[in-house]
Amino acid sequence: MPTSKDLCNKEACDIQSCLKKNGFIPERCRKVIEALERCCEKCSYNSKHCGSMSRLLGRKDEL
């Protein structure tokens, strides 16, 4: 069972894969970024992955 810090690991990895495939352009990974945001909301941002992706999450409205 994952610890709270490991929650959202799959979503964070999906973002990294998407960004790599799309020239590191966040706009092209909107769906996976939104999936991470939903995961972070679900776990009350109690995951190390939510903090490391906060810049992308903050830009969601711009995507």
PDB file of N, CA and C in Angstrom:
ATOM      1  N   MET A   1       0.851  -1.186   0.000  1.00  0.00           N
ATOM      2  CA  MET A   1       0.000   0.000   0.000  1.00  0.00           C
ATOM      3  C   MET A   1       0.896   1.248   0.000  1.00  0.00           C
ATOM      4  N   PRO A   2       0.632   2.209  -0.896  1.00  0.00           N
ATOM      5  CA  PRO A   2       1.485   3.395  -0.945  1.00  0.00           C
ATOM      6  C   PRO A   2       1.282   4.293   0.277  1.00  0.00           C
ATOM      7  N   THR A   3       2.359   4.955   0.657  1.00  0.00           N
ATOM      8  CA  THR A   3       2.248   5.924   1.743  1.00  0.00           C
ATOM      9  C   THR A   3       1.643   7.203   1.178  1.00  0.00           C
ATOM     10  N   SER A   4       1.256   8.119   2.050  1.00  0.00           N
ATOM     11  CA  SER A   4       0.637   9.358   1.587  1.00  0.00           C
ATOM     12  C   SER A   4       1.584  10.155   0.698  1.00  0.00           C
ATOM     13  N   LYS A   5       2.896  10.065   0.948  1.00  0.00           N
ATOM     14  CA  LYS A   5       3.848  10.794   0.126  1.00  0.00           C
ATOM     15  C   LYS A   5       3.946  10.220  -1.284  1.00  0.00           C
ATOM     16  N   ASP A   6       3.597   8.941  -1.441  1.00  0.00           N
ATOM     17  CA  ASP A   6       3.667   8.298  -2.745  1.00  0.00           C
ATOM     18  C   ASP A   6       2.366   8.384  -3.536  1.00  0.00           C
ATOM     19  N   LEU A   7       1.319   8.907  -2.928  1.00  0.00           N
ATOM     20  CA  LEU A   7       0.067   9.071  -3.649  1.00  0.00           C
ATOM     21  C   LEU A   7       0.310   9.950  -4.868  1.00  0.00           C
ATOM     22  N   CYS A   8      -0.407   9.732  -5.904  1.00  0.00           N
ATOM     23  CA  CYS A   8      -0.326  10.495  -7.154  1.00  0.00           C
ATOM     24  C   CYS A   8       0.952  10.200  -7.937  1.00  0.00           C
ATOM     25  N   ASN A   9       1.669   9.154  -7.570  1.00  0.00           N
ATOM     26  CA  ASN A   9       2.893   8.795  -8.288  1.00  0.00           C
ATOM     27  C   ASN A   9       2.599   8.486  -9.756  1.00  0.00           C
ATOM     28  N   LYS A  10       1.549   7.720 -10.008  1.00  0.00           N
ATOM     29  CA  LYS A  10       1.212   7.361 -11.384  1.00  0.00           C
ATOM     30  C   LYS A  10       0.944   8.611 -12.208  1.00  0.00           C
ATOM     31  N   GLU A  11       0.165   9.528 -11.665  1.00  0.00           N
ATOM     32  CA  GLU A  11      -0.167  10.748 -12.396  1.00  0.00           C
ATOM     33  C   GLU A  11       1.075  11.594 -12.668  1.00  0.00           C
ATOM     34  N   ALA A  12       1.970  11.677 -11.685  1.00  0.00           N
ATOM     35  CA  ALA A  12       3.209  12.440 -11.869  1.00  0.00           C
ATOM     36  C   ALA A  12       4.075  11.801 -12.952  1.00  0.00           C
ATOM     37  N   CYS A  13       4.153  10.481 -12.956  1.00  0.00           N
ATOM     38  CA  CYS A  13       4.922   9.787 -13.994  1.00  0.00           C
ATOM     39  C   CYS A  13       4.291   9.970 -15.371  1.00  0.00           C
ATOM     40  N   ASP A  14       2.960   9.953 -15.409  1.00  0.00           N
ATOM     41  CA  ASP A  14       2.262  10.177 -16.679  1.00  0.00           C
ATOM     42  C   ASP A  14       2.586  11.563 -17.237  1.00  0.00           C
ATOM     43  N   ILE A  15       2.669  12.562 -16.364  1.00  0.00           N
ATOM     44  CA  ILE A  15       3.019  13.908 -16.807  1.00  0.00           C
ATOM     45  C   ILE A  15       4.429  13.926 -17.380  1.00  0.00           C
ATOM     46  N   GLN A  16       5.364  13.313 -16.692  1.00  0.00           N
ATOM     47  CA  GLN A  16       6.743  13.300 -17.188  1.00  0.00           C
ATOM     48  C   GLN A  16       6.824  12.631 -18.557  1.00  0.00           C
ATOM     49  N   SER A  17       6.116  11.525 -18.729  1.00  0.00           N
ATOM     50  CA  SER A  17       6.107  10.836 -20.025  1.00  0.00           C
ATOM     51  C   SER A  17       5.498  11.712 -21.112  1.00  0.00           C
ATOM     52  N   CYS A  18       4.389  12.333 -20.785  1.00  0.00           N
ATOM     53  CA  CYS A  18       3.713  13.188 -21.748  1.00  0.00           C
ATOM     54  C   CYS A  18       4.596  14.373 -22.145  1.00  0.00           C
ATOM     55  N   LEU A  19       5.192  15.009 -21.154  1.00  0.00           N
ATOM     56  CA  LEU A  19       6.050  16.157 -21.454  1.00  0.00           C
ATOM     57  C   LEU A  19       7.226  15.752 -22.336  1.00  0.00           C
ATOM     58  N   LYS A  20       7.814  14.613 -22.038  1.00  0.00           N
ATOM     59  CA  LYS A  20       8.952  14.136 -22.830  1.00  0.00           C
ATOM     60  C   LYS A  20       8.537  13.894 -24.279  1.00  0.00           C
ATOM     61  N   LYS A  21       7.366  13.284 -24.464  1.00  0.00           N
ATOM     62  CA  LYS A  21       6.871  12.986 -25.811  1.00  0.00           C
ATOM     63  C   LYS A  21       6.479  14.252 -26.574  1.00  0.00           C
ATOM     64  N   ASN A  22       6.157  15.315 -25.852  1.00  0.00           N
ATOM     65  CA  ASN A  22       5.610  16.526 -26.475  1.00  0.00           C
ATOM     66  C   ASN A  22       6.526  17.735 -26.337  1.00  0.00           C
ATOM     67  N   GLY A  23       7.818  17.509 -26.288  1.00  0.00           N
ATOM     68  CA  GLY A  23       8.770  18.612 -26.276  1.00  0.00           C
ATOM     69  C   GLY A  23       8.681  19.499 -25.052  1.00  0.00           C
ATOM     70  N   PHE A  24       8.238  18.932 -23.941  1.00  0.00           N
ATOM     71  CA  PHE A  24       8.140  19.660 -22.670  1.00  0.00           C
ATOM     72  C   PHE A  24       7.251  20.898 -22.767  1.00  0.00           C
ATOM     73  N   ILE A  25       6.171  20.767 -23.521  1.00  0.00           N
ATOM     74  CA  ILE A  25       5.186  21.844 -23.657  1.00  0.00           C
ATOM     75  C   ILE A  25       3.956  21.449 -22.837  1.00  0.00           C
ATOM     76  N   PRO A  26       3.774  22.079 -21.660  1.00  0.00           N
ATOM     77  CA  PRO A  26       2.675  21.686 -20.764  1.00  0.00           C
ATOM     78  C   PRO A  26       1.289  21.738 -21.412  1.00  0.00           C
ATOM     79  N   GLU A  27       1.073  22.652 -22.331  1.00  0.00           N
ATOM     80  CA  GLU A  27      -0.230  22.790 -22.970  1.00  0.00           C
ATOM     81  C   GLU A  27      -0.660  21.507 -23.681  1.00  0.00           C
ATOM     82  N   ARG A  28       0.310  20.720 -24.119  1.00  0.00           N
ATOM     83  CA  ARG A  28       0.007  19.480 -24.827  1.00  0.00           C
ATOM     84  C   ARG A  28      -0.310  18.329 -23.870  1.00  0.00           C
ATOM     85  N   CYS A  29      -0.182  18.561 -22.586  1.00  0.00           N
ATOM     86  CA  CYS A  29      -0.403  17.513 -21.583  1.00  0.00           C
ATOM     87  C   CYS A  29      -1.518  17.892 -20.615  1.00  0.00           C
ATOM     88  N   ARG A  30      -2.443  18.646 -21.093  1.00  0.00           N
ATOM     89  CA  ARG A  30      -3.515  19.178 -20.245  1.00  0.00           C
ATOM     90  C   ARG A  30      -4.266  18.086 -19.485  1.00  0.00           C
ATOM     91  N   LYS A  31      -4.623  17.012 -20.165  1.00  0.00           N
ATOM     92  CA  LYS A  31      -5.422  15.955 -19.521  1.00  0.00           C
ATOM     93  C   LYS A  31      -4.672  15.287 -18.384  1.00  0.00           C
ATOM     94  N   VAL A  32      -3.381  15.002 -18.571  1.00  0.00           N
ATOM     95  CA  VAL A  32      -2.634  14.337 -17.505  1.00  0.00           C
ATOM     96  C   VAL A  32      -2.334  15.304 -16.358  1.00  0.00           C
ATOM     97  N   ILE A  33      -2.177  16.579 -16.667  1.00  0.00           N
ATOM     98  CA  ILE A  33      -1.987  17.581 -15.615  1.00  0.00           C
ATOM     99  C   ILE A  33      -3.262  17.695 -14.786  1.00  0.00           C
ATOM    100  N   GLU A  34      -4.399  17.675 -15.454  1.00  0.00           N
ATOM    101  CA  GLU A  34      -5.675  17.731 -14.732  1.00  0.00           C
ATOM    102  C   GLU A  34      -5.887  16.473 -13.891  1.00  0.00           C
ATOM    103  N   ALA A  35      -5.408  15.325 -14.369  1.00  0.00           N
ATOM    104  CA  ALA A  35      -5.516  14.086 -13.586  1.00  0.00           C
ATOM    105  C   ALA A  35      -4.695  14.197 -12.304  1.00  0.00           C
ATOM    106  N   LEU A  36      -3.511  14.805 -12.396  1.00  0.00           N
ATOM    107  CA  LEU A  36      -2.704  15.004 -11.190  1.00  0.00           C
ATOM    108  C   LEU A  36      -3.410  15.968 -10.242  1.00  0.00           C
ATOM    109  N   GLU A  37      -4.001  16.995 -10.784  1.00  0.00           N
ATOM    110  CA  GLU A  37      -4.712  17.933  -9.925  1.00  0.00           C
ATOM    111  C   GLU A  37      -5.859  17.250  -9.187  1.00  0.00           C
ATOM    112  N   ARG A  38      -6.604  16.409  -9.888  1.00  0.00           N
ATOM    113  CA  ARG A  38      -7.700  15.679  -9.225  1.00  0.00           C
ATOM    114  C   ARG A  38      -7.163  14.777  -8.125  1.00  0.00           C
ATOM    115  N   CYS A  39      -6.052  14.101  -8.399  1.00  0.00           N
ATOM    116  CA  CYS A  39      -5.452  13.231  -7.392  1.00  0.00           C
ATOM    117  C   CYS A  39      -5.013  14.048  -6.179  1.00  0.00           C
ATOM    118  N   CYS A  40      -4.385  15.191  -6.423  1.00  0.00           N
ATOM    119  CA  CYS A  40      -3.921  16.041  -5.326  1.00  0.00           C
ATOM    120  C   CYS A  40      -5.088  16.557  -4.490  1.00  0.00           C
ATOM    121  N   GLU A  41      -6.162  16.914  -5.160  1.00  0.00           N
ATOM    122  CA  GLU A  41      -7.349  17.358  -4.426  1.00  0.00           C
ATOM    123  C   GLU A  41      -7.899  16.224  -3.564  1.00  0.00           C
ATOM    124  N   LYS A  42      -7.917  15.027  -4.136  1.00  0.00           N
ATOM    125  CA  LYS A  42      -8.461  13.859  -3.425  1.00  0.00           C
ATOM    126  C   LYS A  42      -7.654  13.549  -2.161  1.00  0.00           C
ATOM    127  N   CYS A  43      -6.332  13.732  -2.221  1.00  0.00           N
ATOM    128  CA  CYS A  43      -5.493  13.423  -1.056  1.00  0.00           C
ATOM    129  C   CYS A  43      -5.124  14.683  -0.273  1.00  0.00           C
ATOM    130  N   SER A  44      -5.860  15.762  -0.483  1.00  0.00           N
ATOM    131  CA  SER A  44      -5.632  17.036   0.220  1.00  0.00           C
ATOM    132  C   SER A  44      -4.192  17.538   0.051  1.00  0.00           C
ATOM    133  N   TYR A  45      -3.648  17.334  -1.134  1.00  0.00           N
ATOM    134  CA  TYR A  45      -2.288  17.784  -1.473  1.00  0.00           C
ATOM    135  C   TYR A  45      -1.237  17.204  -0.523  1.00  0.00           C
ATOM    136  N   ASN A  46      -1.511  16.017   0.017  1.00  0.00           N
ATOM    137  CA  ASN A  46      -0.610  15.364   0.954  1.00  0.00           C
ATOM    138  C   ASN A  46       0.277  14.343   0.227  1.00  0.00           C
ATOM    139  N   SER A  47       0.846  14.765  -0.879  1.00  0.00           N
ATOM    140  CA  SER A  47       1.734  13.909  -1.661  1.00  0.00           C
ATOM    141  C   SER A  47       2.926  14.724  -2.119  1.00  0.00           C
ATOM    142  N   LYS A  48       4.101  14.114  -2.101  1.00  0.00           N
ATOM    143  CA  LYS A  48       5.300  14.824  -2.564  1.00  0.00           C
ATOM    144  C   LYS A  48       5.156  15.227  -4.023  1.00  0.00           C
ATOM    145  N   HIS A  49       4.361  14.515  -4.770  1.00  0.00           N
ATOM    146  CA  HIS A  49       4.196  14.812  -6.188  1.00  0.00           C
ATOM    147  C   HIS A  49       3.357  16.065  -6.418  1.00  0.00           C
ATOM    148  N   CYS A  50       2.507  16.389  -5.498  1.00  0.00           N
ATOM    149  CA  CYS A  50       1.694  17.603  -5.645  1.00  0.00           C
ATOM    150  C   CYS A  50       2.566  18.845  -5.512  1.00  0.00           C
ATOM    151  N   GLY A  51       3.503  18.829  -4.585  1.00  0.00           N
ATOM    152  CA  GLY A  51       4.394  19.975  -4.411  1.00  0.00           C
ATOM    153  C   GLY A  51       5.320  20.161  -5.585  1.00  0.00           C
ATOM    154  N   SER A  52       5.840  19.061  -6.130  1.00  0.00           N
ATOM    155  CA  SER A  52       6.797  19.171  -7.231  1.00  0.00           C
ATOM    156  C   SER A  52       6.126  19.607  -8.523  1.00  0.00           C
ATOM    157  N   MET A  53       4.839  19.436  -8.620  1.00  0.00           N
ATOM    158  CA  MET A  53       4.122  19.824  -9.824  1.00  0.00           C
ATOM    159  C   MET A  53       3.300  21.090  -9.619  1.00  0.00           C
ATOM    160  N   SER A  54       3.518  21.795  -8.525  1.00  0.00           N
ATOM    161  CA  SER A  54       2.673  22.950  -8.218  1.00  0.00           C
ATOM    162  C   SER A  54       2.728  24.010  -9.313  1.00  0.00           C
ATOM    163  N   ARG A  55       3.852  24.152  -9.976  1.00  0.00           N
ATOM    164  CA  ARG A  55       3.952  25.143 -11.051  1.00  0.00           C
ATOM    165  C   ARG A  55       2.994  24.773 -12.198  1.00  0.00           C
ATOM    166  N   LEU A  56       2.955  23.501 -12.561  1.00  0.00           N
ATOM    167  CA  LEU A  56       2.040  23.079 -13.618  1.00  0.00           C
ATOM    168  C   LEU A  56       0.600  23.201 -13.172  1.00  0.00           C
ATOM    169  N   LEU A  57       0.329  22.824 -11.935  1.00  0.00           N
ATOM    170  CA  LEU A  57      -1.039  22.925 -11.432  1.00  0.00           C
ATOM    171  C   LEU A  57      -1.501  24.368 -11.398  1.00  0.00           C
ATOM    172  N   GLY A  58      -0.602  25.271 -11.041  1.00  0.00           N
ATOM    173  CA  GLY A  58      -0.951  26.686 -10.996  1.00  0.00           C
ATOM    174  C   GLY A  58      -1.243  27.270 -12.357  1.00  0.00           C
ATOM    175  N   ARG A  59      -0.716  26.652 -13.404  1.00  0.00           N
ATOM    176  CA  ARG A  59      -0.907  27.135 -14.759  1.00  0.00           C
ATOM    177  C   ARG A  59      -2.102  26.499 -15.443  1.00  0.00           C
ATOM    178  N   LYS A  60      -2.840  25.657 -14.754  1.00  0.00           N
ATOM    179  CA  LYS A  60      -3.936  24.914 -15.372  1.00  0.00           C
ATOM    180  C   LYS A  60      -4.886  25.814 -16.156  1.00  0.00           C
ATOM    181  N   ASP A  61      -5.235  26.960 -15.606  1.00  0.00           N
ATOM    182  CA  ASP A  61      -6.177  27.837 -16.269  1.00  0.00           C
ATOM    183  C   ASP A  61      -5.624  28.422 -17.570  1.00  0.00           C
ATOM    184  N   GLU A  62      -4.301  28.423 -17.686  1.00  0.00           N
ATOM    185  CA  GLU A  62      -3.689  28.974 -18.883  1.00  0.00           C
ATOM    186  C   GLU A  62      -3.611  27.946 -20.007  1.00  0.00           C
ATOM    187  N   LEU A  63      -3.837  26.665 -19.689  1.00  0.00           N
ATOM    188  CA  LEU A  63      -3.672  25.620 -20.692  1.00  0.00           C
ATOM    189  C   LEU A  63      -4.828  25.594 -21.660  1.00  0.00           C
TER     190      LEU A  63
END
